[in-house]
C-alpha atoms as a PDB file:
ATOM      1  CA  MET A   1      -8.735  -5.281 -14.633  1.00  0.00           C
ATOM      2  CA  ALA A   2      -5.060  -5.937 -13.926  1.00  0.00           C
ATOM      3  CA  LEU A   3      -3.412  -5.606 -10.538  1.00  0.00           C
ATOM      4  CA  PHE A   4      -2.449  -1.945  -9.884  1.00  0.00           C
ATOM      5  CA  ASP A   5      -3.758  -0.630 -13.231  1.00  0.00           C
ATOM      6  CA  ALA A   6      -5.793   2.602 -13.216  1.00  0.00           C
ATOM      7  CA  ASP A   7      -9.168   0.875 -12.670  1.00  0.00           C
ATOM      8  CA  TRP A   8      -7.798  -1.378  -9.932  1.00  0.00           C
ATOM      9  CA  MET A   9      -6.208   1.603  -8.158  1.00  0.00           C
ATOM     10  CA  ALA A  10      -9.512   3.533  -8.317  1.00  0.00           C
ATOM     11  CA  GLY A  11     -11.224   0.587  -6.615  1.00  0.00           C
ATOM     12  CA  PHE A  12      -8.433   0.435  -4.051  1.00  0.00           C
ATOM     13  CA  ALA A  13      -8.865   4.143  -3.254  1.00  0.00           C
ATOM     14  CA  GLU A  14     -12.584   3.584  -2.680  1.00  0.00           C
ATOM     15  CA  ALA A  15     -11.917   0.570  -0.427  1.00  0.00           C
ATOM     16  CA  TRP A  16      -9.201   2.581   1.394  1.00  0.00           C
ATOM     17  CA  ASN A  17     -11.635   5.384   2.218  1.00  0.00           C
ATOM     18  CA  ASN A  18     -14.316   2.909   3.339  1.00  0.00           C
ATOM     19  CA  GLU A  19     -11.991   1.286   5.900  1.00  0.00           C
ATOM     20  CA  PRO A  20     -12.080   3.393   9.107  1.00  0.00           C
ATOM     21  CA  GLU A  21      -9.113   1.538  10.632  1.00  0.00           C
ATOM     22  CA  LEU A  22      -7.107   2.699   7.605  1.00  0.00           C
ATOM     23  CA  SER A  23      -8.311   6.113   6.442  1.00  0.00           C
ATOM     24  CA  GLY A  24      -9.705   7.167   9.818  1.00  0.00           C
ATOM     25  CA  ALA A  25      -6.644   6.067  11.771  1.00  0.00           C
ATOM     26  CA  LEU A  26      -4.291   7.784   9.324  1.00  0.00           C
ATOM     27  CA  GLY A  27      -6.462  10.890   9.346  1.00  0.00           C
ATOM     28  CA  GLU A  28      -5.999  11.148  13.110  1.00  0.00           C
ATOM     29  CA  ILE A  29      -2.230  11.513  12.636  1.00  0.00           C
ATOM     30  CA  GLY A  30      -2.505  13.802   9.595  1.00  0.00           C
ATOM     31  CA  PHE A  31      -0.889  11.220   7.301  1.00  0.00           C
ATOM     32  CA  ASN A  32      -0.071  12.547   3.816  1.00  0.00           C
ATOM     33  CA  SER A  33       1.762  10.416   1.268  1.00  0.00           C
ATOM     34  CA  VAL A  34       2.135   9.434  -2.349  1.00  0.00           C
ATOM     35  CA  ILE A  35       2.399   5.636  -2.414  1.00  0.00           C
ATOM     36  CA  GLY A  36       3.470   3.563  -5.396  1.00  0.00           C
ATOM     37  CA  TYR A  37       2.668  -0.130  -5.758  1.00  0.00           C
ATOM     38  CA  GLY A  38       4.244  -2.478  -8.224  1.00  0.00           C
ATOM     39  CA  PHE A  39       6.375  -5.465  -9.055  1.00  0.00           C
ATOM     40  CA  THR A  40       9.963  -6.146  -8.024  1.00  0.00           C
ATOM     41  CA  ASP A  41      11.359  -6.600 -11.534  1.00  0.00           C
ATOM     42  CA  ASP A  42       9.875  -3.396 -13.001  1.00  0.00           C
ATOM     43  CA  ASP A  43      11.711  -0.086 -13.337  1.00  0.00           C
ATOM     44  CA  ALA A  44       8.804   1.879 -11.867  1.00  0.00           C
ATOM     45  CA  PRO A  45       5.688   1.141  -9.856  1.00  0.00           C
ATOM     46  CA  THR A  46       2.512   0.295 -11.751  1.00  0.00           C
ATOM     47  CA  GLY A  47      -0.023   2.215  -9.673  1.00  0.00           C
ATOM     48  CA  VAL A  48      -0.065   5.169  -7.325  1.00  0.00           C
ATOM     49  CA  ILE A  49      -2.399   6.426  -4.613  1.00  0.00           C
ATOM     50  CA  VAL A  50      -2.323   9.925  -3.141  1.00  0.00           C
ATOM     51  CA  VAL A  51      -3.324  10.149   0.530  1.00  0.00           C
ATOM     52  CA  GLU A  52      -4.198  13.449   2.221  1.00  0.00           C
ATOM     53  CA  ASN A  53      -5.047  13.434   5.929  1.00  0.00           C
ATOM     54  CA  GLY A  54      -5.637   9.687   5.706  1.00  0.00           C
ATOM     55  CA  GLN A  55      -8.060   9.864   2.762  1.00  0.00           C
ATOM     56  CA  ALA A  56      -7.223   8.578  -0.709  1.00  0.00           C
ATOM     57  CA  THR A  57      -7.780  11.683  -2.834  1.00  0.00           C
ATOM     58  CA  SER A  58      -6.607  10.235  -6.142  1.00  0.00           C
ATOM     59  CA  ALA A  59      -5.359   6.966  -7.541  1.00  0.00           C
ATOM     60  CA  GLY A  60      -4.389   5.573 -10.905  1.00  0.00           C
ATOM     61  CA  ALA A  61      -1.537   4.465 -13.089  1.00  0.00           C
ATOM     62  CA  TYR A  62       1.905   5.686 -11.989  1.00  0.00           C
ATOM     63  CA  ASN A  63       2.925   8.675 -14.073  1.00  0.00           C
ATOM     64  CA  GLY A  64       6.255   9.801 -12.639  1.00  0.00           C
ATOM     65  CA  GLU A  65       4.929  11.212  -9.371  1.00  0.00           C
ATOM     66  CA  GLU A  66       7.472  11.799  -6.602  1.00  0.00           C
ATOM     67  CA  LEU A  67       6.851   8.997  -4.118  1.00  0.00           C
ATOM     68  CA  ASN A  68       7.051   8.872  -0.336  1.00  0.00           C
ATOM     69  CA  TRP A  69       6.646   5.091  -0.474  1.00  0.00           C
ATOM     70  CA  ASP A  70       7.298   2.615  -3.293  1.00  0.00           C
ATOM     71  CA  ILE A  71       6.291  -0.911  -2.296  1.00  0.00           C
ATOM     72  CA  ARG A  72       7.124  -3.845  -4.552  1.00  0.00           C
ATOM     73  CA  ALA A  73       6.661  -7.593  -4.606  1.00  0.00           C
ATOM     74  CA  LYS A  74       6.241 -10.284  -7.226  1.00  0.00           C
ATOM     75  CA  GLU A  75       2.728 -10.500  -8.670  1.00  0.00           C
ATOM     76  CA  ASP A  76       2.073 -13.960  -7.212  1.00  0.00           C
ATOM     77  CA  GLN A  77       3.052 -12.656  -3.764  1.00  0.00           C
ATOM     78  CA  TRP A  78       0.674  -9.669  -4.042  1.00  0.00           C
ATOM     79  CA  ASN A  79      -2.095 -12.072  -5.084  1.00  0.00           C
ATOM     80  CA  LYS A  80      -1.441 -14.245  -1.995  1.00  0.00           C
ATOM     81  CA  TRP A  81      -1.669 -11.195   0.282  1.00  0.00           C
ATOM     82  CA  ILE A  82      -4.839 -10.005  -1.421  1.00  0.00           C
ATOM     83  CA  ALA A  83      -6.440 -13.462  -1.108  1.00  0.00           C
ATOM     84  CA  LYS A  84      -5.406 -13.727   2.563  1.00  0.00           C
ATOM     85  CA  PRO A  85      -4.316 -10.374   4.021  1.00  0.00           C
ATOM     86  CA  PRO A  86      -1.194 -10.843   6.155  1.00  0.00           C
ATOM     87  CA  GLY A  87      -0.633  -9.869   9.748  1.00  0.00           C
ATOM     88  CA  MET A  88       2.370  -8.024  11.134  1.00  0.00           C
ATOM     89  CA  THR A  89       4.425 -11.217  11.478  1.00  0.00           C
ATOM     90  CA  GLY A  90       3.760 -12.254   7.890  1.00  0.00           C
ATOM     91  CA  LEU A  91       4.721  -8.815   6.597  1.00  0.00           C
ATOM     92  CA  GLY A  92       7.843  -8.764   8.750  1.00  0.00           C
ATOM     93  CA  MET A  93       8.906 -12.106   7.310  1.00  0.00           C
ATOM     94  CA  ALA A  94       8.137 -10.904   3.778  1.00  0.00           C
ATOM     95  CA  PHE A  95      10.320  -7.854   4.309  1.00  0.00           C
ATOM     96  CA  THR A  96      13.243  -9.698   5.906  1.00  0.00           C
ATOM     97  CA  THR A  97      13.215 -12.426   3.242  1.00  0.00           C
ATOM     98  CA  GLY A  98      13.014  -9.904   0.405  1.00  0.00           C
ATOM     99  CA  LYS A  99       9.512 -10.865  -0.768  1.00  0.00           C
ATOM    100  CA  MET A 100       8.439  -7.274  -0.106  1.00  0.00           C
ATOM    101  CA  LYS A 101      10.745  -4.424  -1.034  1.00  0.00           C
ATOM    102  CA  PHE A 102      10.527  -0.770  -0.118  1.00  0.00           C
ATOM    103  CA  ILE A 103      12.261   1.068  -2.971  1.00  0.00           C
ATOM    104  CA  VAL A 104      11.301   4.346  -1.259  1.00  0.00           C
ATOM    105  CA  GLY A 105      10.196   4.625   2.384  1.00  0.00           C
ATOM    106  CA  ASP A 106      11.431   3.362   5.723  1.00  0.00           C
ATOM    107  CA  TYR A 107       9.744   0.062   6.590  1.00  0.00           C
ATOM    108  CA  GLY A 108      11.555  -0.135   9.938  1.00  0.00           C
ATOM    109  CA  ALA A 109      10.384   3.275  11.106  1.00  0.00           C
ATOM    110  CA  MET A 110       6.842   2.574   9.945  1.00  0.00           C
ATOM    111  CA  VAL A 111       6.444  -0.749  11.776  1.00  0.00           C
ATOM    112  CA  LYS A 112       7.829   0.747  14.995  1.00  0.00           C
ATOM    113  CA  ASP A 113       5.015   3.322  14.972  1.00  0.00           C
ATOM    114  CA  PRO A 114       1.732   1.575  15.850  1.00  0.00           C
ATOM    115  CA  ARG A 115      -0.193   4.576  14.458  1.00  0.00           C
ATOM    116  CA  MET A 116       1.167   3.607  11.026  1.00  0.00           C
ATOM    117  CA  ALA A 117       1.748  -0.136  11.358  1.00  0.00           C
ATOM    118  CA  GLY A 118      -1.888  -0.997  12.097  1.00  0.00           C
ATOM    119  CA  PRO A 119      -3.226   0.939   9.110  1.00  0.00           C
ATOM    120  CA  PHE A 120      -0.498  -0.564   6.886  1.00  0.00           C
ATOM    121  CA  ILE A 121      -1.832  -4.025   7.784  1.00  0.00           C
ATOM    122  CA  LYS A 122      -5.376  -2.796   7.049  1.00  0.00           C
ATOM    123  CA  SER A 123      -4.305  -1.616   3.579  1.00  0.00           C
ATOM    124  CA  PHE A 124      -4.025  -5.281   2.562  1.00  0.00           C
ATOM    125  CA  ALA A 125      -7.596  -5.916   3.734  1.00  0.00           C
ATOM    126  CA  ALA A 126      -8.663  -2.940   1.590  1.00  0.00           C
ATOM    127  CA  MET A 127      -6.850  -4.487  -1.391  1.00  0.00           C
ATOM    128  CA  ALA A 128      -8.899  -7.641  -0.868  1.00  0.00           C
ATOM    129  CA  GLN A 129     -12.072  -5.560  -1.421  1.00  0.00           C
ATOM    130  CA  VAL A 130     -11.077  -4.552  -4.969  1.00  0.00           C
END
């Protein structure tokens, strides 16, 4: 199973829905999004997850979906975050130093909203469950 391939994304969706501080918190604010994950040097994300009212309703290989968020990093960086999920400071540093890129989506607006920032941090803990 490769990072962000269809099987990995299916496991991520399951972990997402089993994490109340992620799916539950996002459900409370009616969060809906199509989120792509991938690698900085690729033309497109590798995987995609569809979130409706905080719940991951589908996930798999990216197939041209219109994205609300497209989050990229180098594979070794993703693996570090999965092995040891980062906190807000670590993610802020990753963003400002270019280790994490938002091809689509507004990182600044997201981190200023604690209703989204906390669950974003929890998404890395969910990745660690895959």
